[in-house]
Amino acid sequence: MGRDENGRPIFVPYAIPSEEVRVRLTTEKRHFARAELVDVLEPSPERRDPRCPHFGECGGCHFQHMHYEAQLKAKQVVVGDQLQRIGGFKSVNVKPVLANPSPWNYRFDVSLSPVPDGGLGFWSPHKHQVIPIDDCFIIHSRLLELWQDFDLELPGLRKLTLRVGDDEALLAALEIDGVEPPELAADFPVSVAIVMPDKTAVSLIGDNYIMQRVKGRDFRVSPGCFFQPSPTAAELLVDAVLDYADVTGSESALDVYSGVGLLTAFLAEKAGQVTAVELNPDAVADTAGNLNEFDNINLY
């Protein structure tokens, strides 16, 4: 964010604080404006060349032009700024952002959309359409191989989600217009499921789930169910929740909404009683299996 001679804030994606840049205004309002970056006249020492050739057009990443340590600081500043400027908090203490031990190839799932001219890709906020993607450095290497091997021409396809399990098992989940399952054939080891509008899934080929491992515990995850895309970051999340909850064995904990029971499991190890609430029937079934060993959980 920079300011013009009248003090009006101008938001410039892909610029870094302390840089001198040339921009082109794209949206002008009375109290703010938006601009696109034209040239970097004096770069920040925190600037680096983006690793991905699609960076700037693809909407999946926003900070690849910054060193990772600078990305973490920028996110900390953004949270503090929004709590104060938008939230109205006078004094905000935002702790440093935790670094993902695996900042590249960390995503164990990826959601793709059909490209108008064929193929699959990501939404581009710059072009206002889905664009084809040849490479991606934030998804697991097995998913990239699966993506590049996929030859799928399916009328009515709205979204394709690819997932890889902890054991590198592969799953493809289709979301299509209507609920009539298509005819498919797979010539390599991959499970395929169709996800219904209510996020329940029907298996077409192979297993109807993948297994993910977090902090030594296995979790079954059905195709339409949410799970943290980065298992290494999920461990940080679990540790943070347990640290703040500080349960000692007598408390009652409430987990809403609980998904497949990720946080529920680790709370149940320490709390007296845990109540988990989840809407998706497949996630409820996954939770029941994932937490079968516990007798201090009520699942709704």
Protein backbone atom coordinates (compact mmCIF):
# COMPACT_ATOMS: atom_id res chain seq x y z
CA MET A 1 0.00 0.00 0.00
CA GLY A 2 1.22 3.47 -0.94
CA ARG A 3 -0.37 6.90 -0.72
CA ASP A 4 -0.84 9.68 -3.25
CA GLU A 5 -0.18 13.36 -2.60
CA ASN A 6 -3.56 13.67 -0.87
CA GLY A 7 -2.89 10.78 1.47
CA ARG A 8 -5.30 8.45 -0.31
CA PRO A 9 -4.19 4.80 0.05
CA ILE A 10 -3.41 2.95 -3.17
CA PHE A 11 -3.29 -0.85 -3.03
CA VAL A 12 -0.68 -2.41 -5.34
CA PRO A 13 -0.49 -6.22 -5.57
CA TYR A 14 3.03 -7.70 -5.89
CA ALA A 15 4.77 -4.57 -4.58
CA ILE A 16 6.77 -4.75 -1.34
CA PRO A 17 7.01 -2.10 1.42
CA SER A 18 10.04 0.23 0.99
CA GLU A 19 10.13 -0.23 -2.79
CA GLU A 20 9.88 2.57 -5.32
CA VAL A 21 7.52 1.43 -8.06
CA ARG A 22 5.67 2.71 -11.08
CA VAL A 23 1.99 1.73 -11.15
CA ARG A 24 -1.11 2.15 -13.28
CA LEU A 25 -4.39 2.99 -11.56
CA THR A 26 -7.14 0.48 -12.30
CA THR A 27 -9.86 1.45 -9.80
CA GLU A 28 -10.37 4.89 -8.29
CA LYS A 29 -12.63 5.57 -5.34
CA ARG A 30 -12.96 8.62 -3.14
CA HIS A 31 -11.15 7.09 -0.17
CA PHE A 32 -8.85 4.56 -1.89
CA ALA A 33 -7.59 3.32 -5.23
CA ARG A 34 -6.25 0.09 -6.71
CA ALA A 35 -3.36 -0.16 -9.13
CA GLU A 36 -1.32 -2.71 -11.05
CA LEU A 37 2.45 -2.89 -10.86
CA VAL A 38 4.15 -1.62 -14.02
CA ASP A 39 7.82 -1.46 -13.00
CA VAL A 40 10.00 -1.84 -9.91
CA LEU A 41 12.39 1.10 -9.88
CA GLU A 42 14.13 0.34 -6.58
CA PRO A 43 13.54 -3.26 -5.40
CA SER A 44 13.38 -4.33 -1.78
CA PRO A 45 16.13 -6.65 -0.51
CA GLU A 46 13.23 -8.97 0.36
CA ARG A 47 12.27 -9.34 -3.33
CA ARG A 48 13.13 -12.51 -5.23
CA ASP A 49 12.27 -14.01 -8.59
CA PRO A 50 9.08 -16.09 -8.34
CA ARG A 51 9.70 -19.78 -8.76
CA CYS A 52 6.49 -20.40 -10.70
CA PRO A 53 6.13 -19.23 -14.33
CA HIS A 54 2.39 -18.66 -13.75
CA PHE A 55 2.87 -16.33 -10.77
CA GLY A 56 1.02 -13.07 -11.23
CA GLU A 57 -1.66 -14.54 -13.48
CA CYS A 58 -2.68 -17.60 -11.43
CA GLY A 59 -4.64 -16.73 -8.30
CA GLY A 60 -3.23 -19.55 -6.17
CA CYS A 61 -0.20 -17.72 -4.70
CA HIS A 62 0.32 -14.11 -3.65
CA PHE A 63 3.77 -13.92 -2.04
CA GLN A 64 6.23 -15.82 -4.24
CA HIS A 65 7.98 -12.54 -5.10
CA MET A 66 9.15 -12.32 -1.46
CA HIS A 67 11.62 -14.40 0.54
CA TYR A 68 9.77 -16.82 2.82
CA GLU A 69 10.78 -15.04 6.03
CA ALA A 70 9.40 -11.79 4.58
CA GLN A 71 6.16 -13.55 3.65
CA LEU A 72 5.63 -14.57 7.28
CA LYS A 73 6.26 -11.01 8.50
CA ALA A 74 3.89 -9.61 5.87
CA LYS A 75 1.08 -11.94 6.97
CA GLN A 76 1.62 -10.92 10.60
CA VAL A 77 1.34 -7.24 9.61
CA VAL A 78 -1.81 -7.88 7.55
CA VAL A 79 -3.59 -9.59 10.47
CA GLY A 80 -2.65 -6.81 12.89
CA ASP A 81 -3.69 -4.10 10.43
CA GLN A 82 -7.10 -5.63 9.76
CA LEU A 83 -7.83 -6.21 13.45
CA GLN A 84 -7.08 -2.55 14.14
CA ARG A 85 -8.34 -0.79 11.01
CA ILE A 86 -11.40 -2.95 10.29
CA GLY A 87 -11.99 -4.71 13.61
CA GLY A 88 -11.61 -1.56 15.71
CA PHE A 89 -9.22 -3.08 18.27
CA LYS A 90 -6.96 -0.44 19.83
CA SER A 91 -4.17 -2.68 21.04
CA VAL A 92 -3.35 -5.83 19.11
CA ASN A 93 -0.59 -8.33 19.88
CA VAL A 94 -0.20 -10.60 16.86
CA LYS A 95 2.36 -13.31 17.43
CA PRO A 96 4.85 -14.21 14.67
CA VAL A 97 3.40 -16.42 11.97
CA LEU A 98 4.50 -20.04 12.27
CA ALA A 99 6.59 -21.25 9.35
CA ASN A 100 5.52 -24.36 7.49
CA PRO A 101 8.43 -26.82 7.70
CA SER A 102 7.61 -27.68 4.06
CA PRO A 103 6.95 -24.37 2.24
CA TRP A 104 7.08 -26.05 -1.20
CA ASN A 105 5.08 -29.04 -2.49
CA TYR A 106 3.10 -29.04 0.75
CA ARG A 107 -0.44 -29.39 -0.55
CA PHE A 108 -1.85 -32.92 -0.43
CA ASP A 109 -4.91 -31.84 -2.39
CA VAL A 110 -5.61 -29.53 -5.30
CA SER A 111 -8.88 -28.38 -6.90
CA LEU A 112 -8.95 -27.74 -10.65
CA SER A 113 -11.55 -26.21 -12.93
CA PRO A 114 -12.17 -26.74 -16.65
CA VAL A 115 -10.43 -24.31 -19.01
CA PRO A 116 -12.80 -22.89 -21.67
CA ASP A 117 -10.59 -24.20 -24.51
CA GLY A 118 -10.03 -27.59 -22.88
CA GLY A 119 -7.88 -28.96 -20.11
CA LEU A 120 -7.77 -28.01 -16.44
CA GLY A 121 -6.39 -25.04 -14.57
CA PHE A 122 -6.80 -22.37 -11.90
CA TRP A 123 -8.84 -19.20 -11.73
CA SER A 124 -6.95 -16.09 -12.79
CA PRO A 125 -8.14 -12.88 -11.10
CA HIS A 126 -6.02 -11.00 -13.66
CA LYS A 127 -7.78 -12.50 -16.69
CA HIS A 128 -11.11 -13.21 -14.92
CA GLN A 129 -11.23 -16.77 -16.22
CA VAL A 130 -9.73 -20.22 -15.62
CA ILE A 131 -6.30 -20.48 -17.24
CA PRO A 132 -4.32 -23.64 -18.12
CA ILE A 133 -1.46 -24.46 -15.74
CA ASP A 134 1.57 -26.53 -16.73
CA ASP A 135 3.40 -26.61 -13.40
CA CYS A 136 2.74 -25.92 -9.72
CA PHE A 137 5.33 -25.80 -6.95
CA ILE A 138 3.01 -25.88 -3.94
CA ILE A 139 1.28 -29.22 -4.58
CA HIS A 140 2.72 -32.64 -3.80
CA SER A 141 4.87 -34.04 -6.63
CA ARG A 142 2.61 -37.12 -6.94
CA LEU A 143 -0.40 -34.86 -7.53
CA LEU A 144 1.46 -32.99 -10.23
CA GLU A 145 2.25 -36.30 -11.95
CA LEU A 146 -1.40 -37.37 -11.65
CA TRP A 147 -2.60 -34.03 -13.01
CA GLN A 148 -0.27 -34.24 -16.01
CA ASP A 149 -1.34 -37.84 -16.69
CA PHE A 150 -5.07 -37.07 -16.56
CA ASP A 151 -6.87 -37.19 -19.89
CA LEU A 152 -10.40 -36.20 -18.99
CA GLU A 153 -13.03 -34.82 -21.36
CA LEU A 154 -16.18 -34.84 -19.27
CA PRO A 155 -19.15 -32.63 -20.21
CA GLY A 156 -20.67 -30.96 -17.18
CA LEU A 157 -17.49 -31.12 -15.08
CA ARG A 158 -17.44 -28.25 -12.59
CA LYS A 159 -14.46 -29.17 -10.43
CA LEU A 160 -11.86 -31.91 -10.15
CA THR A 161 -10.14 -32.41 -6.79
CA LEU A 162 -7.01 -34.55 -6.67
CA ARG A 163 -5.72 -35.92 -3.36
CA VAL A 164 -2.73 -37.96 -2.30
CA GLY A 165 -2.67 -39.91 0.94
CA ASP A 166 0.13 -40.33 3.43
CA ASP A 167 0.91 -43.66 1.72
CA GLU A 168 0.91 -41.85 -1.69
CA ALA A 169 -2.39 -43.47 -2.70
CA LEU A 170 -4.17 -41.25 -5.27
CA LEU A 171 -7.82 -40.17 -5.40
CA ALA A 172 -9.71 -38.04 -7.92
CA ALA A 173 -13.07 -36.52 -6.92
CA LEU A 174 -15.41 -35.24 -9.65
CA GLU A 175 -18.09 -32.60 -9.19
CA ILE A 176 -20.40 -32.53 -12.19
CA ASP A 177 -23.73 -31.07 -13.23
CA GLY A 178 -26.37 -33.61 -12.26
CA VAL A 179 -25.84 -36.79 -10.29
CA GLU A 180 -25.68 -39.43 -13.03
CA PRO A 181 -22.25 -41.11 -12.71
CA PRO A 182 -20.15 -41.06 -15.89
CA GLU A 183 -18.47 -44.09 -17.43
CA LEU A 184 -14.77 -44.04 -16.66
CA ALA A 185 -11.72 -46.24 -17.06
CA ALA A 186 -8.37 -45.92 -15.30
CA ASP A 187 -5.16 -47.45 -16.64
CA PHE A 188 -3.05 -46.57 -13.58
CA PRO A 189 -3.63 -46.95 -9.80
CA VAL A 190 -6.07 -44.18 -8.83
CA SER A 191 -9.39 -44.15 -7.00
CA VAL A 192 -12.19 -42.08 -8.53
CA ALA A 193 -15.35 -40.81 -6.84
CA ILE A 194 -18.21 -38.48 -7.71
CA VAL A 195 -19.10 -35.83 -5.12
CA MET A 196 -22.80 -35.05 -4.83
CA PRO A 197 -24.20 -31.54 -4.21
CA ASP A 198 -24.47 -32.30 -0.46
CA LYS A 199 -20.73 -33.20 -0.43
CA THR A 200 -21.38 -36.92 0.06
CA ALA A 201 -19.47 -39.13 -2.36
CA VAL A 202 -20.06 -42.27 -4.41
CA SER A 203 -17.09 -44.43 -5.38
CA LEU A 204 -16.67 -45.14 -9.09
CA ILE A 205 -13.24 -46.80 -9.06
CA GLY A 206 -11.18 -48.09 -6.15
CA ASP A 207 -11.35 -46.82 -2.56
CA ASN A 208 -13.76 -44.13 -1.40
CA TYR A 209 -11.20 -42.42 0.84
CA ILE A 210 -7.54 -41.65 1.41
CA MET A 211 -5.56 -41.86 4.65
CA GLN A 212 -3.71 -38.91 6.16
CA ARG A 213 -1.32 -39.06 9.11
CA VAL A 214 -0.92 -36.20 11.59
CA LYS A 215 1.22 -36.43 14.74
CA GLY A 216 1.36 -40.22 14.51
CA ARG A 217 -2.42 -40.67 14.14
CA ASP A 218 -4.15 -41.89 10.97
CA PHE A 219 -7.29 -40.21 9.63
CA ARG A 220 -9.62 -41.58 6.97
CA VAL A 221 -10.81 -38.74 4.68
CA SER A 222 -13.70 -39.22 2.22
CA PRO A 223 -13.66 -37.31 -1.11
CA GLY A 224 -16.12 -34.54 -0.22
CA CYS A 225 -14.73 -33.96 3.27
CA PHE A 226 -12.40 -31.15 4.28
CA PHE A 227 -8.93 -31.87 5.62
CA GLN A 228 -6.03 -29.53 6.13
CA PRO A 229 -4.18 -29.49 2.78
CA SER A 230 -0.75 -29.49 4.47
CA PRO A 231 -0.18 -32.26 7.06
CA THR A 232 2.91 -30.44 8.38
CA ALA A 233 0.89 -27.26 8.90
CA ALA A 234 -1.92 -29.36 10.44
CA GLU A 235 0.51 -30.44 13.15
CA LEU A 236 1.25 -26.79 13.93
CA LEU A 237 -2.49 -26.12 14.10
CA VAL A 238 -3.10 -29.01 16.51
CA ASP A 239 -0.24 -27.87 18.74
CA ALA A 240 -1.58 -24.30 18.80
CA VAL A 241 -5.12 -25.41 19.70
CA LEU A 242 -3.89 -27.67 22.49
CA ASP A 243 -1.62 -24.92 23.80
CA TYR A 244 -4.43 -22.35 23.98
CA ALA A 245 -7.06 -24.82 25.23
CA ASP A 246 -4.70 -26.01 27.97
CA VAL A 247 -7.01 -28.87 28.93
CA THR A 248 -6.01 -30.86 32.01
CA GLY A 249 -8.44 -33.79 31.96
CA SER A 250 -11.63 -32.53 33.58
CA GLU A 251 -12.91 -30.03 30.99
CA SER A 252 -15.64 -30.41 28.42
CA ALA A 253 -14.55 -29.36 24.91
CA LEU A 254 -16.77 -28.44 21.95
CA ASP A 255 -15.46 -28.91 18.39
CA VAL A 256 -17.60 -27.18 15.74
CA TYR A 257 -17.42 -27.99 12.94
CA SER A 258 -15.32 -31.07 13.43
CA GLY A 259 -14.77 -32.46 9.91
CA VAL A 260 -13.26 -35.94 10.07
CA GLY A 261 -12.22 -35.49 13.71
CA LEU A 262 -8.70 -34.01 13.42
CA LEU A 263 -8.89 -31.64 16.39
CA THR A 264 -11.47 -33.82 18.14
CA ALA A 265 -8.99 -36.69 18.42
CA PHE A 266 -6.23 -34.68 20.05
CA LEU A 267 -8.65 -32.88 22.38
CA ALA A 268 -10.13 -36.24 23.42
CA GLU A 269 -6.67 -37.43 24.50
CA LYS A 270 -6.55 -34.67 27.12
CA ALA A 271 -10.10 -33.43 27.90
CA GLY A 272 -12.69 -35.09 30.10
CA GLN A 273 -15.43 -34.96 27.47
CA VAL A 274 -15.55 -33.76 23.86
CA THR A 275 -18.66 -32.92 21.83
CA ALA A 276 -18.10 -32.86 18.06
CA VAL A 277 -20.64 -31.37 15.64
CA GLU A 278 -20.48 -31.91 11.86
CA LEU A 279 -22.96 -31.53 8.99
CA ASN A 280 -21.45 -33.74 6.26
CA PRO A 281 -22.66 -37.37 6.71
CA ASP A 282 -19.48 -38.77 5.16
CA ALA A 283 -17.34 -36.73 7.57
CA VAL A 284 -19.44 -38.02 10.47
CA ALA A 285 -18.84 -41.59 9.30
CA ASP A 286 -15.12 -40.90 8.92
CA THR A 287 -15.00 -39.43 12.42
CA ALA A 288 -16.74 -42.47 13.89
CA GLY A 289 -14.06 -44.70 12.41
CA ASN A 290 -11.15 -42.38 13.14
CA LEU A 291 -12.11 -42.00 16.81
CA ASN A 292 -13.42 -45.47 17.53
CA GLU A 293 -10.96 -45.99 20.39
CA PHE A 294 -12.37 -43.12 22.50
CA ASP A 295 -15.29 -43.38 24.92
CA ASN A 296 -15.38 -39.69 25.91
CA ILE A 297 -16.71 -38.26 22.61
CA ASN A 298 -20.30 -37.35 21.72
CA LEU A 299 -20.70 -36.96 17.94
CA TYR A 300 -23.60 -35.03 16.48
